[in-house]
C-alpha cells in the first residue's frame, strides 16, 4: 500500500471503472467481480466510478452494489470516488438541486452496504458558480452521506475558488505522456500548493500507450475512441509515433509500455514541489490489472528521454470533439 487517503490505506495506482460498463459488449458480474478482487489484492484499491458509466441499470455503481452484496468484507478495502451531476441525455447540472439529485441517486445505486468516499461533478457547469456546487456537496459531507469533495476537469482558478469554500480532497484530470495540459496550465501547481491529490485518468492515452494498439483495426467498431479527434485516420499514424518511442524504452527496461506510462506519473509525483498523483488506468482482464499494478523505477535519464520524446511527437488533434472540449473548464 502507498499511503492513507481519508483514513483508508490505498495503493499508489488506482482503478478506473468506466470501461467495464461503458462499452459495446456488456460484461457480466462473473467477468467483472474477479477484476475487483484482483485490483484489491494488488493494491489498486482507489476506485473511480460513475453512474453515467453505462446505463441506469448497469453502471459502475450498480455493479459495485451487487459486488458488495456478495463480498461485504471488501467495502472497507475500496476507496471510492464517484463523479456525477450529468443527467440524460448528457446534460450538465451542478446547481444545488442537481448536486442533491445526483448524490441521492449515487447513494441509492451503491446500496446500503456501499460507501462513497468522494463525490465530484463530472464537469464544471458553466451556468453555476463553482462555490455553489462545492457548498452543496459539502452539505452532504456534513450530513455523513459522503466522505469528501472532489473536482473534475477544472482550471487552476476554479480550484482556488473551490478551496475557499471547502476542503478539496482530489482533482481528477486527464494526465499522461499523451495529455500533459495539467502540467502546463497551472492545475498541477495549484494542487501541490494546496495539498490536493490528483487522480490521473486515461494514463495510457486511452489505450494508445498500452502497447496493444498498432493500427485503427485494433480498436473495435462502436468503441467511443473512434469518434475522438486523435483517433481519426488522417492523424492516427502520426499519433502512434509517441507510443512506438515509449515501447523502445520499455523494451530496454524489460517492462511493458503501459508500465512506463503509468510509472512516469508516479515518478512525477515524487519530484519536489509536485502533488501526489494516483494514475487510474482501466482494465478488463486480471492480467492487465496485474500489469498495471507493477511499479517500475524510472531514472532521471529515463525521464529526460521521455520528455524529449514528448517534444518530438506531440499529439495531433484535440482530446475530445468540439462538444467535449467546450465542456472543459479551461
Protein backbone atom coordinates (compact mmCIF):
# COMPACT_ATOMS: atom_id res chain seq x y z
CA UNK A 1 0.00 0.00 0.00
CA UNK A 2 1.14 3.53 -0.74
CA UNK A 3 -0.44 5.91 1.75
CA UNK A 4 -3.58 6.86 3.66
CA UNK A 5 -6.37 8.70 1.87
CA UNK A 6 -9.18 9.92 4.12
CA UNK A 7 -8.03 7.38 6.66
CA UNK A 8 -8.02 4.44 4.22
CA UNK A 9 -4.90 2.65 3.04
CA UNK A 10 -4.67 2.97 -0.73
CA UNK A 11 -2.10 1.96 -3.29
CA UNK A 12 -0.08 4.29 -5.47
CA UNK A 13 -2.05 3.14 -8.54
CA UNK A 14 -5.84 3.11 -8.71
CA UNK A 15 -8.50 1.56 -10.93
CA UNK A 16 -10.77 3.40 -13.39
CA UNK A 17 -14.08 1.57 -13.85
CA UNK A 18 -15.51 3.33 -16.91
CA UNK A 19 -14.50 0.69 -19.45
CA UNK A 20 -16.19 -2.13 -17.54
CA UNK A 21 -19.72 -0.86 -18.12
CA UNK A 22 -19.45 1.81 -20.83
CA UNK A 23 -18.67 -0.48 -23.72
CA UNK A 24 -20.31 -2.01 -26.82
CA UNK A 25 -20.33 -5.54 -25.37
CA UNK A 26 -21.69 -5.93 -21.85
CA UNK A 27 -19.58 -7.76 -19.28
CA UNK A 28 -21.33 -9.95 -16.74
CA UNK A 29 -20.87 -9.79 -12.98
CA UNK A 30 -18.98 -13.08 -13.21
CA UNK A 31 -16.49 -11.34 -15.50
CA UNK A 32 -16.23 -8.10 -13.51
CA UNK A 33 -16.15 -9.38 -9.92
CA UNK A 34 -12.76 -11.14 -10.30
CA UNK A 35 -11.33 -7.84 -11.58
CA UNK A 36 -12.43 -6.06 -8.41
CA UNK A 37 -10.93 -8.86 -6.32
CA UNK A 38 -7.62 -8.69 -8.18
CA UNK A 39 -7.44 -4.90 -8.00
CA UNK A 40 -7.85 -5.06 -4.24
CA UNK A 41 -5.31 -7.88 -3.98
CA UNK A 42 -2.58 -5.96 -5.86
CA UNK A 43 -3.25 -2.67 -4.09
CA UNK A 44 -5.11 -0.83 -6.86
CA UNK A 45 -7.96 -0.12 -4.47
CA UNK A 46 -8.65 3.57 -5.22
CA UNK A 47 -11.67 3.03 -7.49
CA UNK A 48 -13.05 5.75 -9.78
CA UNK A 49 -16.70 5.26 -10.72
CA UNK A 50 -19.81 6.99 -12.04
CA UNK A 51 -23.50 6.41 -12.57
CA UNK A 52 -23.01 7.72 -16.12
CA UNK A 53 -20.59 4.91 -16.97
CA UNK A 54 -23.14 2.70 -18.66
CA UNK A 55 -26.93 2.60 -18.41
CA UNK A 56 -29.21 3.45 -15.46
CA UNK A 57 -29.41 -0.23 -14.51
CA UNK A 58 -25.87 -1.32 -15.46
CA UNK A 59 -23.14 1.10 -14.45
CA UNK A 60 -20.18 1.33 -12.08
CA UNK A 61 -22.37 1.76 -9.02
CA UNK A 62 -24.97 -0.90 -9.74
CA UNK A 63 -22.20 -3.46 -10.35
CA UNK A 64 -20.38 -2.39 -7.18
CA UNK A 65 -23.63 -2.66 -5.23
CA UNK A 66 -24.03 -6.26 -6.34
CA UNK A 67 -20.37 -6.92 -5.58
CA UNK A 68 -20.77 -5.56 -2.05
CA UNK A 69 -23.82 -7.75 -1.53
CA UNK A 70 -21.67 -10.76 -2.33
CA UNK A 71 -18.46 -9.55 -0.66
CA UNK A 72 -19.42 -7.10 2.13
CA UNK A 73 -15.98 -7.52 3.67
CA UNK A 74 -14.48 -5.63 0.71
CA UNK A 75 -16.37 -2.37 1.29
CA UNK A 76 -13.72 -1.19 3.75
CA UNK A 77 -10.93 -2.19 1.35
CA UNK A 78 -12.06 0.07 -1.51
CA UNK A 79 -11.72 3.84 -1.63
CA UNK A 80 -14.49 5.02 -3.94
CA UNK A 81 -14.55 8.31 -5.84
CA UNK A 82 -17.77 8.98 -7.78
CA UNK A 83 -18.50 11.57 -10.44
CA UNK A 84 -21.98 12.77 -11.20
CA UNK A 85 -24.17 15.80 -11.96
CA UNK A 86 -24.75 14.65 -15.53
CA UNK A 87 -28.29 13.66 -16.44
CA UNK A 88 -29.83 12.10 -19.60
CA UNK A 89 -29.28 12.98 -22.37
CA UNK A 90 -25.86 14.07 -21.06
CA UNK A 91 -26.97 17.38 -19.56
CA UNK A 92 -24.68 19.05 -17.00
CA UNK A 93 -26.43 20.29 -13.88
CA UNK A 94 -24.21 21.23 -10.96
CA UNK A 95 -26.74 23.51 -9.32
CA UNK A 96 -27.54 22.73 -5.68
CA UNK A 97 -30.62 20.85 -6.88
CA UNK A 98 -28.58 18.94 -9.43
CA UNK A 99 -25.95 18.06 -6.82
CA UNK A 100 -28.63 16.83 -4.42
CA UNK A 101 -30.37 14.72 -7.05
CA UNK A 102 -27.08 13.24 -8.25
CA UNK A 103 -25.72 12.37 -4.81
CA UNK A 104 -29.05 10.89 -3.74
CA UNK A 105 -29.06 8.76 -6.89
CA UNK A 106 -25.46 7.66 -6.31
CA UNK A 107 -26.27 6.63 -2.75
CA UNK A 108 -29.33 4.71 -3.95
CA UNK A 109 -27.35 2.91 -6.65
CA UNK A 110 -24.41 1.94 -4.43
CA UNK A 111 -26.81 0.39 -1.92
CA UNK A 112 -26.92 0.15 1.85
CA UNK A 113 -23.59 -1.64 2.10
CA UNK A 114 -21.66 0.80 -0.10
CA UNK A 115 -19.83 3.97 0.81
CA UNK A 116 -18.91 6.97 -1.36
CA UNK A 117 -15.61 8.40 -0.13
CA UNK A 118 -15.53 11.35 -2.53
CA UNK A 119 -18.01 12.93 -4.92
CA UNK A 120 -17.32 15.30 -7.82
CA UNK A 121 -19.31 16.97 -10.55
CA UNK A 122 -18.02 15.40 -13.75
CA UNK A 123 -17.66 18.82 -15.37
CA UNK A 124 -17.97 22.40 -14.17
CA UNK A 125 -21.43 23.66 -15.01
CA UNK A 126 -20.90 26.90 -16.95
CA UNK A 127 -24.23 28.25 -15.68
CA UNK A 128 -23.40 27.73 -11.99
CA UNK A 129 -20.64 29.25 -9.88
CA UNK A 130 -18.26 26.62 -8.51
CA UNK A 131 -18.83 27.97 -4.99
CA UNK A 132 -22.50 26.93 -5.15
CA UNK A 133 -21.64 23.45 -6.39
CA UNK A 134 -18.99 22.84 -3.75
CA UNK A 135 -21.19 24.22 -0.96
CA UNK A 136 -23.98 21.82 -1.97
CA UNK A 137 -21.62 18.82 -2.00
CA UNK A 138 -20.20 19.93 1.36
CA UNK A 139 -23.65 19.75 2.96
CA UNK A 140 -23.73 16.04 2.14
CA UNK A 141 -20.28 15.65 3.69
CA UNK A 142 -21.53 17.35 6.86
CA UNK A 143 -24.57 15.06 6.89
CA UNK A 144 -22.36 11.99 6.56
CA UNK A 145 -23.80 10.95 3.19
CA UNK A 146 -20.38 11.04 1.51
CA UNK A 147 -16.81 11.38 2.70
CA UNK A 148 -15.43 14.40 0.87
CA UNK A 149 -15.43 16.84 -2.05
CA UNK A 150 -13.50 16.34 -5.27
CA UNK A 151 -13.36 18.25 -8.56
CA UNK A 152 -13.08 17.13 -12.18
CA UNK A 153 -11.54 18.79 -15.27
CA UNK A 154 -11.34 22.27 -13.75
CA UNK A 155 -8.91 25.14 -14.15
CA UNK A 156 -6.38 26.31 -11.60
CA UNK A 157 -8.51 29.39 -10.93
CA UNK A 158 -11.58 27.24 -10.27
CA UNK A 159 -9.62 25.04 -7.87
CA UNK A 160 -8.55 28.10 -5.89
CA UNK A 161 -12.13 29.35 -5.68
CA UNK A 162 -13.46 25.95 -4.65
CA UNK A 163 -10.79 25.54 -1.96
CA UNK A 164 -12.04 28.69 -0.24
CA UNK A 165 -15.44 27.04 0.28
CA UNK A 166 -14.43 23.55 1.45
CA UNK A 167 -11.54 21.14 1.73
CA UNK A 168 -10.90 19.69 -1.73
CA UNK A 169 -9.67 16.12 -1.39
CA UNK A 170 -8.79 15.49 -5.04
CA UNK A 171 -8.91 16.82 -8.58
CA UNK A 172 -9.46 14.40 -11.46
CA UNK A 173 -7.85 15.35 -14.76
CA UNK A 174 -6.62 13.61 -17.89
CA UNK A 175 -2.86 13.40 -17.47
CA UNK A 176 -0.44 11.18 -19.35
CA UNK A 177 2.54 11.21 -21.68
CA UNK A 178 -0.09 11.93 -24.33
CA UNK A 179 -2.00 14.64 -22.43
CA UNK A 180 0.21 16.97 -20.43
CA UNK A 181 -2.06 20.02 -20.22
CA UNK A 182 -2.36 19.98 -16.38
CA UNK A 183 1.41 20.38 -16.19
CA UNK A 184 1.20 23.49 -18.35
CA UNK A 185 -1.99 25.28 -17.26
CA UNK A 186 -1.32 25.63 -13.54
CA UNK A 187 -3.53 22.78 -12.32
CA UNK A 188 -0.69 20.60 -11.04
CA UNK A 189 0.99 23.62 -9.48
CA UNK A 190 -2.08 24.71 -7.51
CA UNK A 191 -2.79 21.16 -6.37
CA UNK A 192 0.74 20.95 -4.99
CA UNK A 193 0.36 24.31 -3.28
CA UNK A 194 -2.97 23.38 -1.66
CA UNK A 195 -2.01 19.75 -0.91
CA UNK A 196 -4.69 18.30 -3.19
CA UNK A 197 -4.38 14.82 -4.65
CA UNK A 198 -4.60 14.33 -8.42
CA UNK A 199 -6.43 11.41 -9.97
CA UNK A 200 -4.87 10.98 -13.43
CA UNK A 201 -7.42 9.37 -15.72
CA UNK A 202 -6.52 7.82 -19.07
CA UNK A 203 -2.85 7.44 -18.04
CA UNK A 204 -2.38 5.16 -21.06
CA UNK A 205 -3.62 7.77 -23.52
CA UNK A 206 -6.93 5.95 -23.96
CA UNK A 207 -5.01 2.79 -24.64
CA UNK A 208 -2.59 4.06 -27.26
CA UNK A 209 0.29 3.83 -24.75
CA UNK A 210 -0.68 0.34 -23.64
CA UNK A 211 1.35 -1.40 -26.34
CA UNK A 212 -1.56 -3.32 -27.86
CA UNK A 213 -2.80 -0.79 -30.44
CA UNK A 214 -0.78 -0.86 -33.64
CA UNK A 215 -3.46 0.31 -36.08
CA UNK A 216 -7.05 1.55 -36.15
CA UNK A 217 -8.13 -2.03 -36.80
CA UNK A 218 -7.15 -2.81 -33.20
CA UNK A 219 -9.95 -0.54 -31.95
CA UNK A 220 -13.35 -2.28 -32.15
CA UNK A 221 -16.20 -0.81 -34.16
CA UNK A 222 -18.53 1.06 -31.84
CA UNK A 223 -15.71 1.93 -29.43
CA UNK A 224 -16.12 5.56 -28.28
CA UNK A 225 -12.50 6.28 -29.12
CA UNK A 226 -13.26 6.09 -32.83
CA UNK A 227 -15.13 9.40 -32.52
CA UNK A 228 -12.21 11.24 -30.90
CA UNK A 229 -10.04 13.60 -32.98
CA UNK A 230 -6.74 11.86 -32.11
CA UNK A 231 -8.05 8.54 -33.40
CA UNK A 232 -9.08 9.77 -36.86
CA UNK A 233 -7.45 8.06 -39.86
CA UNK A 234 -5.65 11.19 -41.08
CA UNK A 235 -3.73 11.68 -37.80
CA UNK A 236 -3.68 8.25 -36.20
CA UNK A 237 -0.37 7.08 -37.66
CA UNK A 238 1.32 10.29 -36.54
CA UNK A 239 -0.05 9.80 -33.04
CA UNK A 240 1.30 6.25 -32.91
CA UNK A 241 4.86 7.58 -33.12
CA UNK A 242 4.93 8.53 -29.43
CA UNK A 243 3.68 5.06 -28.49
CA UNK A 244 6.37 3.44 -30.61
CA UNK A 245 9.07 5.52 -28.94
CA UNK A 246 7.78 4.63 -25.46
CA UNK A 247 7.81 0.97 -26.43
CA UNK A 248 11.53 1.17 -27.19
CA UNK A 249 12.19 2.43 -23.66
CA UNK A 250 10.02 -0.34 -22.24
CA UNK A 251 11.92 -2.98 -24.21
CA UNK A 252 15.20 -1.66 -22.91
CA UNK A 253 13.99 -1.69 -19.31
CA UNK A 254 12.40 -5.12 -19.57
CA UNK A 255 8.89 -3.92 -18.80
CA UNK A 256 5.78 -3.01 -20.79
CA UNK A 257 4.81 0.28 -22.43
CA UNK A 258 1.86 0.56 -20.05
CA UNK A 259 4.17 0.25 -17.07
CA UNK A 260 6.41 3.02 -18.41
CA UNK A 261 3.42 5.32 -18.95
CA UNK A 262 1.92 4.67 -15.50
CA UNK A 263 5.21 4.93 -13.68
CA UNK A 264 6.05 8.19 -15.45
CA UNK A 265 3.20 9.67 -13.42
CA UNK A 266 4.48 8.12 -10.20
CA UNK A 267 7.95 9.48 -10.91
CA UNK A 268 6.47 12.95 -11.48
CA UNK A 269 4.61 12.66 -8.20
CA UNK A 270 7.85 12.00 -6.31
CA UNK A 271 9.57 15.12 -7.61
CA UNK A 272 9.95 18.08 -5.22
CA UNK A 273 7.09 20.54 -5.43
CA UNK A 274 4.68 18.07 -7.03
CA UNK A 275 1.34 16.88 -5.62
CA UNK A 276 0.61 13.21 -5.06
CA UNK A 277 -0.66 11.70 -8.33
CA UNK A 278 -2.64 8.46 -8.49
CA UNK A 279 -2.92 7.04 -12.03
CA UNK A 280 -6.31 5.33 -12.50
CA UNK A 281 -5.93 3.06 -15.54
CA UNK A 282 -8.81 0.89 -16.62
CA UNK A 283 -8.56 -2.84 -17.25
CA UNK A 284 -10.90 -5.59 -18.37
CA UNK A 285 -8.71 -8.59 -17.54
CA UNK A 286 -6.92 -9.87 -14.47
CA UNK A 287 -3.68 -9.96 -16.43
CA UNK A 288 -3.95 -6.27 -17.34
CA UNK A 289 -4.68 -5.30 -13.73
CA UNK A 290 -1.55 -7.15 -12.62
CA UNK A 291 0.49 -5.47 -15.34
CA UNK A 292 -0.80 -2.02 -14.44
CA UNK A 293 -0.04 -2.53 -10.75
CA UNK A 294 3.70 -3.07 -11.20
CA UNK A 295 5.87 -0.19 -10.01
CA UNK A 296 8.95 0.29 -12.19
CA UNK A 297 11.80 2.63 -11.33
CA UNK A 298 12.32 5.31 -13.94
CA UNK A 299 15.70 7.01 -13.64
CA UNK A 300 16.27 10.69 -14.27
CA UNK A 301 17.81 9.67 -17.60
CA UNK A 302 14.59 7.80 -18.45
CA UNK A 303 12.51 10.85 -17.54
CA UNK A 304 14.67 13.12 -19.69
CA UNK A 305 14.34 10.73 -22.60
CA UNK A 306 10.56 10.65 -22.20
CA UNK A 307 10.48 14.45 -22.11
CA UNK A 308 12.44 14.51 -25.37
CA UNK A 309 10.03 12.02 -26.95
CA UNK A 310 7.03 14.15 -25.95
CA UNK A 311 8.60 17.20 -27.58
CA UNK A 312 9.34 15.26 -30.77
CA UNK A 313 5.94 13.57 -31.07
CA UNK A 314 3.24 15.86 -29.66
CA UNK A 315 -0.30 14.52 -30.12
CA UNK A 316 -2.19 15.71 -33.18
CA UNK A 317 -5.80 16.71 -32.52
CA UNK A 318 -7.86 17.69 -29.50
CA UNK A 319 -8.64 15.33 -26.63
CA UNK A 320 -12.39 15.45 -27.35
CA UNK A 321 -14.72 16.50 -30.12
CA UNK A 322 -15.97 20.08 -30.26
CA UNK A 323 -18.78 19.45 -27.77
CA UNK A 324 -16.48 17.67 -25.34
CA UNK A 325 -13.84 20.38 -25.50
CA UNK A 326 -16.48 23.03 -24.83
CA UNK A 327 -17.38 21.26 -21.58
CA UNK A 328 -13.86 21.66 -20.17
CA UNK A 329 -13.12 24.46 -17.71
CA UNK A 330 -10.00 25.80 -19.46
